[in-house]
Amino acid sequence: MFQTVDKHNYYIYILTNKSKSVLYIGFTTDLKDRLHFHQYPEAHSKSFTARYKCFNLIYWEHYTEVQAAIDRETQLKKWSRSKKENLINEVNPDWRFLNNEI
């Protein structure tokens, strides 16, 4: 008998504030739900995203393996601001807010 392996969805994402001066990197299994969570921070008003008003999605990556997503999040968090900006610029050079495209 063969055992099937379920593929799951994992997302690494980058949010910014309205002036695009702050970057936040996160990990989630449901990107749409997590964006909603960030946009309505009443219950978590002391969080980083609430304090710095990072509600705008500017970059995301999709993974089906949790460890790959965790490793990528860890990698991105260690990068310099300029390296993160270069990554964003590769796929979203205008830094459009992508919240409504998810």
C-alpha atoms as a PDB file:
ATOM      1  CA  MET A   1       0.000   0.000   0.000  1.00  0.00           C
ATOM      2  CA  PHE A   2       1.297   3.456  -0.915  1.00  0.00           C
ATOM      3  CA  GLN A   3       1.153   6.293   1.518  1.00  0.00           C
ATOM      4  CA  THR A   4       0.114   9.637   0.051  1.00  0.00           C
ATOM      5  CA  VAL A   5       1.751  12.825   1.166  1.00  0.00           C
ATOM      6  CA  ASP A   6      -0.500  15.837   1.438  1.00  0.00           C
ATOM      7  CA  LYS A   7       0.898  19.010  -0.042  1.00  0.00           C
ATOM      8  CA  HIS A   8       0.224  22.083   1.992  1.00  0.00           C
ATOM      9  CA  ASN A   9       0.456  25.776   1.324  1.00  0.00           C
ATOM     10  CA  TYR A  10       3.008  27.931   3.081  1.00  0.00           C
ATOM     11  CA  TYR A  11       3.753  31.539   2.305  1.00  0.00           C
ATOM     12  CA  ILE A  12       6.596  33.908   3.030  1.00  0.00           C
ATOM     13  CA  TYR A  13       5.544  37.509   2.603  1.00  0.00           C
ATOM     14  CA  ILE A  14       6.822  41.041   2.943  1.00  0.00           C
ATOM     15  CA  LEU A  15       4.658  43.891   4.160  1.00  0.00           C
ATOM     16  CA  THR A  16       5.412  47.570   4.244  1.00  0.00           C
ATOM     17  CA  ASN A  17       3.827  50.735   5.578  1.00  0.00           C
ATOM     18  CA  LYS A  18       2.194  53.460   3.473  1.00  0.00           C
ATOM     19  CA  SER A  19       5.462  55.367   2.996  1.00  0.00           C
ATOM     20  CA  LYS A  20       7.335  52.113   2.214  1.00  0.00           C
ATOM     21  CA  SER A  21       9.953  52.893   4.858  1.00  0.00           C
ATOM     22  CA  VAL A  22       9.515  49.741   6.971  1.00  0.00           C
ATOM     23  CA  LEU A  23       9.675  46.089   5.889  1.00  0.00           C
ATOM     24  CA  TYR A  24       8.170  43.143   7.750  1.00  0.00           C
ATOM     25  CA  ILE A  25       8.769  39.513   6.785  1.00  0.00           C
ATOM     26  CA  GLY A  26       6.261  36.877   7.852  1.00  0.00           C
ATOM     27  CA  PHE A  27       5.253  33.249   7.431  1.00  0.00           C
ATOM     28  CA  THR A  28       1.728  31.835   7.171  1.00  0.00           C
ATOM     29  CA  THR A  29      -0.356  28.955   5.860  1.00  0.00           C
ATOM     30  CA  ASP A  30      -3.184  31.269   4.738  1.00  0.00           C
ATOM     31  CA  LEU A  31      -1.980  34.490   3.160  1.00  0.00           C
ATOM     32  CA  LYS A  32      -5.402  36.074   2.658  1.00  0.00           C
ATOM     33  CA  ASP A  33      -6.388  35.454   6.276  1.00  0.00           C
ATOM     34  CA  ARG A  34      -3.050  36.736   7.575  1.00  0.00           C
ATOM     35  CA  LEU A  35      -3.363  39.934   5.554  1.00  0.00           C
ATOM     36  CA  HIS A  36      -6.764  40.508   7.122  1.00  0.00           C
ATOM     37  CA  PHE A  37      -5.220  39.905  10.553  1.00  0.00           C
ATOM     38  CA  HIS A  38      -2.545  42.543   9.879  1.00  0.00           C
ATOM     39  CA  GLN A  39      -5.014  45.070   8.458  1.00  0.00           C
ATOM     40  CA  TYR A  40      -7.246  44.949  11.545  1.00  0.00           C
ATOM     41  CA  PRO A  41      -4.781  44.956  14.448  1.00  0.00           C
ATOM     42  CA  GLU A  42      -7.175  45.817  17.297  1.00  0.00           C
ATOM     43  CA  ALA A  43      -6.528  42.535  19.108  1.00  0.00           C
ATOM     44  CA  HIS A  44      -2.763  42.732  18.695  1.00  0.00           C
ATOM     45  CA  SER A  45      -2.089  46.477  18.867  1.00  0.00           C
ATOM     46  CA  LYS A  46       1.377  45.956  20.348  1.00  0.00           C
ATOM     47  CA  SER A  47       2.623  43.862  17.439  1.00  0.00           C
ATOM     48  CA  PHE A  48       5.375  45.120  15.134  1.00  0.00           C
ATOM     49  CA  THR A  49       3.022  45.434  12.172  1.00  0.00           C
ATOM     50  CA  ALA A  50       0.474  47.389  14.209  1.00  0.00           C
ATOM     51  CA  ARG A  51       3.064  49.751  15.696  1.00  0.00           C
ATOM     52  CA  TYR A  52       4.667  50.482  12.322  1.00  0.00           C
ATOM     53  CA  LYS A  53       1.448  50.230  10.287  1.00  0.00           C
ATOM     54  CA  CYS A  54       2.830  47.510   7.999  1.00  0.00           C
ATOM     55  CA  PHE A  55      -0.361  46.358   6.315  1.00  0.00           C
ATOM     56  CA  ASN A  56       0.587  46.482   2.628  1.00  0.00           C
ATOM     57  CA  LEU A  57       1.704  43.324   0.836  1.00  0.00           C
ATOM     58  CA  ILE A  58       4.514  43.984  -1.642  1.00  0.00           C
ATOM     59  CA  TYR A  59       6.054  40.517  -2.066  1.00  0.00           C
ATOM     60  CA  TRP A  60       5.239  36.867  -1.436  1.00  0.00           C
ATOM     61  CA  GLU A  61       6.489  33.374  -2.184  1.00  0.00           C
ATOM     62  CA  HIS A  62       4.554  30.097  -2.112  1.00  0.00           C
ATOM     63  CA  TYR A  63       5.893  26.766  -0.812  1.00  0.00           C
ATOM     64  CA  THR A  64       4.423  23.287  -0.402  1.00  0.00           C
ATOM     65  CA  GLU A  65       7.045  22.085   2.079  1.00  0.00           C
ATOM     66  CA  VAL A  66       7.044  23.682   5.516  1.00  0.00           C
ATOM     67  CA  GLN A  67      10.773  23.365   6.125  1.00  0.00           C
ATOM     68  CA  ALA A  68      11.599  25.078   2.831  1.00  0.00           C
ATOM     69  CA  ALA A  69       9.341  27.988   3.804  1.00  0.00           C
ATOM     70  CA  ILE A  70      10.816  28.258   7.294  1.00  0.00           C
ATOM     71  CA  ASP A  71      14.348  28.172   5.888  1.00  0.00           C
ATOM     72  CA  ARG A  72      13.508  30.884   3.363  1.00  0.00           C
ATOM     73  CA  GLU A  73      11.926  33.122   5.996  1.00  0.00           C
ATOM     74  CA  THR A  74      15.019  32.740   8.170  1.00  0.00           C
ATOM     75  CA  GLN A  75      17.251  33.552   5.204  1.00  0.00           C
ATOM     76  CA  LEU A  76      15.313  36.687   4.221  1.00  0.00           C
ATOM     77  CA  LYS A  77      15.230  38.020   7.773  1.00  0.00           C
ATOM     78  CA  LYS A  78      19.038  37.961   7.828  1.00  0.00           C
ATOM     79  CA  TRP A  79      19.352  39.962   4.605  1.00  0.00           C
ATOM     80  CA  SER A  80      20.210  43.650   4.499  1.00  0.00           C
ATOM     81  CA  ARG A  81      17.535  46.167   3.585  1.00  0.00           C
ATOM     82  CA  SER A  82      19.114  46.714   0.153  1.00  0.00           C
ATOM     83  CA  LYS A  83      19.127  42.999  -0.626  1.00  0.00           C
ATOM     84  CA  LYS A  84      15.444  42.758   0.338  1.00  0.00           C
ATOM     85  CA  GLU A  85      14.680  45.772  -1.851  1.00  0.00           C
ATOM     86  CA  ASN A  86      16.434  44.109  -4.805  1.00  0.00           C
ATOM     87  CA  LEU A  87      14.318  40.970  -4.306  1.00  0.00           C
ATOM     88  CA  ILE A  88      11.099  43.006  -4.232  1.00  0.00           C
ATOM     89  CA  ASN A  89      12.187  45.030  -7.272  1.00  0.00           C
ATOM     90  CA  GLU A  90      12.645  41.849  -9.325  1.00  0.00           C
ATOM     91  CA  VAL A  91       8.914  41.038  -9.219  1.00  0.00           C
ATOM     92  CA  ASN A  92       7.279  44.264  -8.086  1.00  0.00           C
ATOM     93  CA  PRO A  93       9.464  47.180  -9.255  1.00  0.00           C
ATOM     94  CA  ASP A  94       6.760  49.779  -8.533  1.00  0.00           C
ATOM     95  CA  TRP A  95       6.183  48.373  -5.045  1.00  0.00           C
ATOM     96  CA  ARG A  96       2.463  48.139  -5.770  1.00  0.00           C
ATOM     97  CA  PHE A  97       0.332  47.033  -2.840  1.00  0.00           C
ATOM     98  CA  LEU A  98      -0.813  43.520  -3.734  1.00  0.00           C
ATOM     99  CA  ASN A  99      -3.393  42.925  -0.998  1.00  0.00           C
ATOM    100  CA  ASN A 100      -6.342  42.929  -3.400  1.00  0.00           C
ATOM    101  CA  GLU A 101      -4.626  40.455  -5.742  1.00  0.00           C
ATOM    102  CA  ILE A 102      -4.587  37.632  -3.204  1.00  0.00           C
END
